[in-house]
Amino acid sequence: MKELVEVIARALVSNPDEVVVTEETTEEETVLTLTVAPADVGKVIGKQGRIAKAIRSVLKAAASREEKKVTLDIQ
């Protein structure tokens, strides 16, 4: 899951070297935290959060195949 978010985020931002994805796993869920350069936050979130919502939808679909619960935080 971490790699999926990294690939998507690197394709969207101007500074792909500053994309960092951290993963915290518990018994119930996995929390992924996406950190990008301050200038690129708007590109990852998109107008009215549409791009962030799309990334979360893709992530949710990939997680459901593995029967896991995954959430994404964007910073």
PDB file of N, CA and C in Angstrom:
ATOM      1  N   MET A   1       0.812  -1.188   0.000  1.00  0.00           N
ATOM      2  CA  MET A   1       0.000   0.000   0.000  1.00  0.00           C
ATOM      3  C   MET A   1       0.864   1.264   0.000  1.00  0.00           C
ATOM      4  N   LYS A   2       1.922   1.218   0.774  1.00  0.00           N
ATOM      5  CA  LYS A   2       2.814   2.366   0.887  1.00  0.00           C
ATOM      6  C   LYS A   2       3.402   2.742  -0.471  1.00  0.00           C
ATOM      7  N   GLU A   3       3.807   1.737  -1.226  1.00  0.00           N
ATOM      8  CA  GLU A   3       4.405   1.977  -2.533  1.00  0.00           C
ATOM      9  C   GLU A   3       3.392   2.569  -3.504  1.00  0.00           C
ATOM     10  N   LEU A   4       2.152   2.123  -3.413  1.00  0.00           N
ATOM     11  CA  LEU A   4       1.090   2.631  -4.281  1.00  0.00           C
ATOM     12  C   LEU A   4       0.891   4.123  -4.064  1.00  0.00           C
ATOM     13  N   VAL A   5       0.805   4.544  -2.822  1.00  0.00           N
ATOM     14  CA  VAL A   5       0.618   5.962  -2.509  1.00  0.00           C
ATOM     15  C   VAL A   5       1.827   6.767  -2.966  1.00  0.00           C
ATOM     16  N   GLU A   6       3.023   6.221  -2.781  1.00  0.00           N
ATOM     17  CA  GLU A   6       4.237   6.908  -3.205  1.00  0.00           C
ATOM     18  C   GLU A   6       4.256   7.147  -4.710  1.00  0.00           C
ATOM     19  N   VAL A   7       3.914   6.142  -5.482  1.00  0.00           N
ATOM     20  CA  VAL A   7       3.924   6.258  -6.948  1.00  0.00           C
ATOM     21  C   VAL A   7       2.914   7.299  -7.409  1.00  0.00           C
ATOM     22  N   ILE A   8       1.728   7.269  -6.845  1.00  0.00           N
ATOM     23  CA  ILE A   8       0.695   8.233  -7.231  1.00  0.00           C
ATOM     24  C   ILE A   8       1.127   9.652  -6.862  1.00  0.00           C
ATOM     25  N   ALA A   9       1.628   9.840  -5.645  1.00  0.00           N
ATOM     26  CA  ALA A   9       2.016  11.178  -5.187  1.00  0.00           C
ATOM     27  C   ALA A   9       3.188  11.728  -5.993  1.00  0.00           C
ATOM     28  N   ARG A  10       4.168  10.889  -6.289  1.00  0.00           N
ATOM     29  CA  ARG A  10       5.328  11.359  -7.064  1.00  0.00           C
ATOM     30  C   ARG A  10       4.919  11.816  -8.462  1.00  0.00           C
ATOM     31  N   ALA A  11       3.887  11.215  -9.022  1.00  0.00           N
ATOM     32  CA  ALA A  11       3.421  11.608 -10.353  1.00  0.00           C
ATOM     33  C   ALA A  11       2.698  12.960 -10.321  1.00  0.00           C
ATOM     34  N   LEU A  12       2.186  13.349  -9.182  1.00  0.00           N
ATOM     35  CA  LEU A  12       1.392  14.577  -9.082  1.00  0.00           C
ATOM     36  C   LEU A  12       2.199  15.818  -8.737  1.00  0.00           C
ATOM     37  N   VAL A  13       3.270  15.673  -7.973  1.00  0.00           N
ATOM     38  CA  VAL A  13       3.971  16.825  -7.398  1.00  0.00           C
ATOM     39  C   VAL A  13       5.111  17.332  -8.272  1.00  0.00           C
ATOM     40  N   SER A  14       5.561  18.555  -7.971  1.00  0.00           N
ATOM     41  CA  SER A  14       6.699  19.146  -8.678  1.00  0.00           C
ATOM     42  C   SER A  14       8.029  18.700  -8.093  1.00  0.00           C
ATOM     43  N   ASN A  15       8.020  18.356  -6.796  1.00  0.00           N
ATOM     44  CA  ASN A  15       9.238  17.920  -6.102  1.00  0.00           C
ATOM     45  C   ASN A  15       9.082  16.470  -5.652  1.00  0.00           C
ATOM     46  N   PRO A  16       9.240  15.503  -6.551  1.00  0.00           N
ATOM     47  CA  PRO A  16       9.013  14.100  -6.178  1.00  0.00           C
ATOM     48  C   PRO A  16      10.007  13.567  -5.144  1.00  0.00           C
ATOM     49  N   ASP A  17      11.156  14.224  -4.998  1.00  0.00           N
ATOM     50  CA  ASP A  17      12.141  13.765  -4.018  1.00  0.00           C
ATOM     51  C   ASP A  17      11.701  14.044  -2.582  1.00  0.00           C
ATOM     52  N   GLU A  18      10.752  14.953  -2.402  1.00  0.00           N
ATOM     53  CA  GLU A  18      10.301  15.317  -1.061  1.00  0.00           C
ATOM     54  C   GLU A  18       9.058  14.549  -0.621  1.00  0.00           C
ATOM     55  N   VAL A  19       8.634  13.582  -1.404  1.00  0.00           N
ATOM     56  CA  VAL A  19       7.476  12.763  -1.044  1.00  0.00           C
ATOM     57  C   VAL A  19       7.922  11.699  -0.044  1.00  0.00           C
ATOM     58  N   VAL A  20       7.263  11.664   1.116  1.00  0.00           N
ATOM     59  CA  VAL A  20       7.574  10.682   2.152  1.00  0.00           C
ATOM     60  C   VAL A  20       6.265  10.052   2.612  1.00  0.00           C
ATOM     61  N   VAL A  21       6.237   8.726   2.627  1.00  0.00           N
ATOM     62  CA  VAL A  21       5.066   7.999   3.108  1.00  0.00           C
ATOM     63  C   VAL A  21       5.504   7.149   4.297  1.00  0.00           C
ATOM     64  N   THR A  22       4.851   7.364   5.438  1.00  0.00           N
ATOM     65  CA  THR A  22       5.135   6.555   6.614  1.00  0.00           C
ATOM     66  C   THR A  22       3.928   5.671   6.892  1.00  0.00           C
ATOM     67  N   GLU A  23       4.198   4.519   7.478  1.00  0.00           N
ATOM     68  CA  GLU A  23       3.159   3.520   7.700  1.00  0.00           C
ATOM     69  C   GLU A  23       3.146   3.087   9.161  1.00  0.00           C
ATOM     70  N   GLU A  24       1.969   3.141   9.772  1.00  0.00           N
ATOM     71  CA  GLU A  24       1.783   2.664  11.142  1.00  0.00           C
ATOM     72  C   GLU A  24       0.698   1.597  11.112  1.00  0.00           C
ATOM     73  N   THR A  25       1.029   0.410  11.587  1.00  0.00           N
ATOM     74  CA  THR A  25       0.087  -0.701  11.522  1.00  0.00           C
ATOM     75  C   THR A  25      -0.331  -1.121  12.926  1.00  0.00           C
ATOM     76  N   THR A  26      -1.633  -1.284  13.093  1.00  0.00           N
ATOM     77  CA  THR A  26      -2.187  -1.839  14.321  1.00  0.00           C
ATOM     78  C   THR A  26      -2.976  -3.090  13.934  1.00  0.00           C
ATOM     79  N   GLU A  27      -3.606  -3.707  14.906  1.00  0.00           N
ATOM     80  CA  GLU A  27      -4.387  -4.904  14.602  1.00  0.00           C
ATOM     81  C   GLU A  27      -5.595  -4.586  13.727  1.00  0.00           C
ATOM     82  N   GLU A  28      -6.217  -3.420  13.947  1.00  0.00           N
ATOM     83  CA  GLU A  28      -7.437  -3.085  13.224  1.00  0.00           C
ATOM     84  C   GLU A  28      -7.192  -2.445  11.865  1.00  0.00           C
ATOM     85  N   GLU A  29      -6.179  -1.572  11.772  1.00  0.00           N
ATOM     86  CA  GLU A  29      -6.003  -0.821  10.544  1.00  0.00           C
ATOM     87  C   GLU A  29      -4.554  -0.421  10.321  1.00  0.00           C
ATOM     88  N   THR A  30      -4.302   0.077   9.123  1.00  0.00           N
ATOM     89  CA  THR A  30      -3.014   0.634   8.761  1.00  0.00           C
ATOM     90  C   THR A  30      -3.221   2.104   8.434  1.00  0.00           C
ATOM     91  N   VAL A  31      -2.408   2.966   9.022  1.00  0.00           N
ATOM     92  CA  VAL A  31      -2.502   4.398   8.773  1.00  0.00           C
ATOM     93  C   VAL A  31      -1.281   4.813   7.960  1.00  0.00           C
ATOM     94  N   LEU A  32      -1.520   5.361   6.772  1.00  0.00           N
ATOM     95  CA  LEU A  32      -0.450   5.875   5.930  1.00  0.00           C
ATOM     96  C   LEU A  32      -0.461   7.391   6.029  1.00  0.00           C
ATOM     97  N   THR A  33       0.698   7.989   6.248  1.00  0.00           N
ATOM     98  CA  THR A  33       0.816   9.438   6.316  1.00  0.00           C
ATOM     99  C   THR A  33       1.660   9.901   5.139  1.00  0.00           C
ATOM    100  N   LEU A  34       1.080  10.730   4.293  1.00  0.00           N
ATOM    101  CA  LEU A  34       1.757  11.257   3.111  1.00  0.00           C
ATOM    102  C   LEU A  34       2.222  12.672   3.413  1.00  0.00           C
ATOM    103  N   THR A  35       3.518  12.900   3.291  1.00  0.00           N
ATOM    104  CA  THR A  35       4.097  14.222   3.512  1.00  0.00           C
ATOM    105  C   THR A  35       4.747  14.678   2.217  1.00  0.00           C
ATOM    106  N   VAL A  36       4.375  15.884   1.773  1.00  0.00           N
ATOM    107  CA  VAL A  36       4.943  16.456   0.549  1.00  0.00           C
ATOM    108  C   VAL A  36       5.459  17.856   0.854  1.00  0.00           C
ATOM    109  N   ALA A  37       6.143  18.458  -0.100  1.00  0.00           N
ATOM    110  CA  ALA A  37       6.634  19.824   0.061  1.00  0.00           C
ATOM    111  C   ALA A  37       5.441  20.767   0.234  1.00  0.00           C
ATOM    112  N   PRO A  38       5.619  21.837   1.007  1.00  0.00           N
ATOM    113  CA  PRO A  38       4.499  22.764   1.224  1.00  0.00           C
ATOM    114  C   PRO A  38       3.892  23.313  -0.064  1.00  0.00           C
ATOM    115  N   ALA A  39       4.695  23.491  -1.090  1.00  0.00           N
ATOM    116  CA  ALA A  39       4.182  24.014  -2.360  1.00  0.00           C
ATOM    117  C   ALA A  39       3.337  22.982  -3.112  1.00  0.00           C
ATOM    118  N   ASP A  40       3.496  21.714  -2.776  1.00  0.00           N
ATOM    119  CA  ASP A  40       2.799  20.648  -3.490  1.00  0.00           C
ATOM    120  C   ASP A  40       1.550  20.133  -2.783  1.00  0.00           C
ATOM    121  N   VAL A  41       1.249  20.632  -1.608  1.00  0.00           N
ATOM    122  CA  VAL A  41       0.090  20.128  -0.859  1.00  0.00           C
ATOM    123  C   VAL A  41      -1.193  20.335  -1.644  1.00  0.00           C
ATOM    124  N   GLY A  42      -1.337  21.480  -2.263  1.00  0.00           N
ATOM    125  CA  GLY A  42      -2.533  21.768  -3.057  1.00  0.00           C
ATOM    126  C   GLY A  42      -2.697  20.841  -4.242  1.00  0.00           C
ATOM    127  N   LYS A  43      -1.588  20.426  -4.842  1.00  0.00           N
ATOM    128  CA  LYS A  43      -1.650  19.513  -5.983  1.00  0.00           C
ATOM    129  C   LYS A  43      -2.116  18.130  -5.559  1.00  0.00           C
ATOM    130  N   VAL A  44      -1.744  17.722  -4.365  1.00  0.00           N
ATOM    131  CA  VAL A  44      -2.135  16.399  -3.882  1.00  0.00           C
ATOM    132  C   VAL A  44      -3.589  16.394  -3.401  1.00  0.00           C
ATOM    133  N   ILE A  45      -4.030  17.511  -2.840  1.00  0.00           N
ATOM    134  CA  ILE A  45      -5.404  17.587  -2.347  1.00  0.00           C
ATOM    135  C   ILE A  45      -6.379  17.883  -3.487  1.00  0.00           C
ATOM    136  N   GLY A  46      -6.043  18.804  -4.356  1.00  0.00           N
ATOM    137  CA  GLY A  46      -6.897  19.131  -5.485  1.00  0.00           C
ATOM    138  C   GLY A  46      -8.044  20.042  -5.095  1.00  0.00           C
ATOM    139  N   LYS A  47      -8.779  20.493  -6.107  1.00  0.00           N
ATOM    140  CA  LYS A  47      -9.927  21.368  -5.855  1.00  0.00           C
ATOM    141  C   LYS A  47     -11.002  20.603  -5.113  1.00  0.00           C
ATOM    142  N   GLN A  48     -11.417  21.170  -4.004  1.00  0.00           N
ATOM    143  CA  GLN A  48     -12.444  20.588  -3.135  1.00  0.00           C
ATOM    144  C   GLN A  48     -12.098  19.160  -2.699  1.00  0.00           C
ATOM    145  N   GLY A  49     -10.799  18.849  -2.681  1.00  0.00           N
ATOM    146  CA  GLY A  49     -10.347  17.545  -2.196  1.00  0.00           C
ATOM    147  C   GLY A  49     -10.578  16.396  -3.147  1.00  0.00           C
ATOM    148  N   ARG A  50     -10.799  16.693  -4.416  1.00  0.00           N
ATOM    149  CA  ARG A  50     -11.123  15.635  -5.376  1.00  0.00           C
ATOM    150  C   ARG A  50      -9.977  14.654  -5.601  1.00  0.00           C
ATOM    151  N   ILE A  51      -8.753  15.152  -5.698  1.00  0.00           N
ATOM    152  CA  ILE A  51      -7.619  14.259  -5.941  1.00  0.00           C
ATOM    153  C   ILE A  51      -7.345  13.411  -4.704  1.00  0.00           C
ATOM    154  N   ALA A  52      -7.424  14.027  -3.529  1.00  0.00           N
ATOM    155  CA  ALA A  52      -7.229  13.262  -2.290  1.00  0.00           C
ATOM    156  C   ALA A  52      -8.286  12.172  -2.170  1.00  0.00           C
ATOM    157  N   LYS A  53      -9.506  12.495  -2.521  1.00  0.00           N
ATOM    158  CA  LYS A  53     -10.597  11.510  -2.468  1.00  0.00           C
ATOM    159  C   LYS A  53     -10.339  10.373  -3.452  1.00  0.00           C
ATOM    160  N   ALA A  54      -9.837  10.703  -4.637  1.00  0.00           N
ATOM    161  CA  ALA A  54      -9.542   9.676  -5.638  1.00  0.00           C
ATOM    162  C   ALA A  54      -8.410   8.760  -5.170  1.00  0.00           C
ATOM    163  N   ILE A  55      -7.384   9.337  -4.556  1.00  0.00           N
ATOM    164  CA  ILE A  55      -6.274   8.529  -4.039  1.00  0.00           C
ATOM    165  C   ILE A  55      -6.787   7.591  -2.960  1.00  0.00           C
ATOM    166  N   ARG A  56      -7.639   8.108  -2.081  1.00  0.00           N
ATOM    167  CA  ARG A  56      -8.200   7.271  -1.015  1.00  0.00           C
ATOM    168  C   ARG A  56      -9.080   6.156  -1.588  1.00  0.00           C
ATOM    169  N   SER A  57      -9.804   6.442  -2.659  1.00  0.00           N
ATOM    170  CA  SER A  57     -10.647   5.418  -3.284  1.00  0.00           C
ATOM    171  C   SER A  57      -9.804   4.287  -3.870  1.00  0.00           C
ATOM    172  N   VAL A  58      -8.725   4.639  -4.545  1.00  0.00           N
ATOM    173  CA  VAL A  58      -7.826   3.623  -5.108  1.00  0.00           C
ATOM    174  C   VAL A  58      -7.199   2.807  -3.987  1.00  0.00           C
ATOM    175  N   LEU A  59      -6.797   3.487  -2.928  1.00  0.00           N
ATOM    176  CA  LEU A  59      -6.189   2.812  -1.784  1.00  0.00           C
ATOM    177  C   LEU A  59      -7.187   1.869  -1.107  1.00  0.00           C
ATOM    178  N   LYS A  60      -8.417   2.320  -0.981  1.00  0.00           N
ATOM    179  CA  LYS A  60      -9.454   1.487  -0.366  1.00  0.00           C
ATOM    180  C   LYS A  60      -9.731   0.241  -1.210  1.00  0.00           C
ATOM    181  N   ALA A  61      -9.744   0.401  -2.531  1.00  0.00           N
ATOM    182  CA  ALA A  61      -9.967  -0.743  -3.419  1.00  0.00           C
ATOM    183  C   ALA A  61      -8.824  -1.751  -3.307  1.00  0.00           C
ATOM    184  N   ALA A  62      -7.601  -1.260  -3.250  1.00  0.00           N
ATOM    185  CA  ALA A  62      -6.447  -2.156  -3.117  1.00  0.00           C
ATOM    186  C   ALA A  62      -6.452  -2.853  -1.755  1.00  0.00           C
ATOM    187  N   ALA A  63      -6.874  -2.139  -0.717  1.00  0.00           N
ATOM    188  CA  ALA A  63      -6.911  -2.719   0.623  1.00  0.00           C
ATOM    189  C   ALA A  63      -8.012  -3.760   0.751  1.00  0.00           C
ATOM    190  N   SER A  64      -9.120  -3.542   0.064  1.00  0.00           N
ATOM    191  CA  SER A  64     -10.222  -4.501   0.165  1.00  0.00           C
ATOM    192  C   SER A  64      -9.860  -5.838  -0.478  1.00  0.00           C
ATOM    193  N   ARG A  65      -8.993  -5.815  -1.460  1.00  0.00           N
ATOM    194  CA  ARG A  65      -8.539  -7.064  -2.076  1.00  0.00           C
ATOM    195  C   ARG A  65      -7.764  -7.907  -1.082  1.00  0.00           C
ATOM    196  N   GLU A  66      -7.070  -7.229  -0.150  1.00  0.00           N
ATOM    197  CA  GLU A  66      -6.289  -7.922   0.876  1.00  0.00           C
ATOM    198  C   GLU A  66      -7.043  -8.009   2.201  1.00  0.00           C
ATOM    199  N   GLU A  67      -8.304  -7.569   2.196  1.00  0.00           N
ATOM    200  CA  GLU A  67      -9.162  -7.584   3.377  1.00  0.00           C
ATOM    201  C   GLU A  67      -8.527  -6.845   4.554  1.00  0.00           C
ATOM    202  N   LYS A  68      -8.053  -5.631   4.279  1.00  0.00           N
ATOM    203  CA  LYS A  68      -7.451  -4.777   5.290  1.00  0.00           C
ATOM    204  C   LYS A  68      -8.178  -3.441   5.306  1.00  0.00           C
ATOM    205  N   LYS A  69      -8.000  -2.696   6.381  1.00  0.00           N
ATOM    206  CA  LYS A  69      -8.533  -1.344   6.472  1.00  0.00           C
ATOM    207  C   LYS A  69      -7.355  -0.380   6.464  1.00  0.00           C
ATOM    208  N   VAL A  70      -7.372   0.559   5.528  1.00  0.00           N
ATOM    209  CA  VAL A  70      -6.272   1.494   5.370  1.00  0.00           C
ATOM    210  C   VAL A  70      -6.830   2.909   5.337  1.00  0.00           C
ATOM    211  N   THR A  71      -6.198   3.825   6.058  1.00  0.00           N
ATOM    212  CA  THR A  71      -6.563   5.228   6.005  1.00  0.00           C
ATOM    213  C   THR A  71      -5.352   6.043   5.559  1.00  0.00           C
ATOM    214  N   LEU A  72      -5.618   7.182   4.931  1.00  0.00           N
ATOM    215  CA  LEU A  72      -4.551   8.037   4.411  1.00  0.00           C
ATOM    216  C   LEU A  72      -4.677   9.421   5.006  1.00  0.00           C
ATOM    217  N   ASP A  73      -3.593   9.903   5.614  1.00  0.00           N
ATOM    218  CA  ASP A  73      -3.504  11.272   6.114  1.00  0.00           C
ATOM    219  C   ASP A  73      -2.525  12.023   5.236  1.00  0.00           C
ATOM    220  N   ILE A  74      -2.899  13.232   4.842  1.00  0.00           N
ATOM    221  CA  ILE A  74      -2.038  14.048   3.983  1.00  0.00           C
ATOM    222  C   ILE A  74      -1.554  15.250   4.778  1.00  0.00           C
ATOM    223  N   GLN A  75      -0.237  15.457   4.759  1.00  0.00           N
ATOM    224  CA  GLN A  75       0.363  16.597   5.485  1.00  0.00           C
ATOM    225  C   GLN A  75       1.193  17.407   4.555  1.00  0.00           C
TER     226      GLN A  75
END
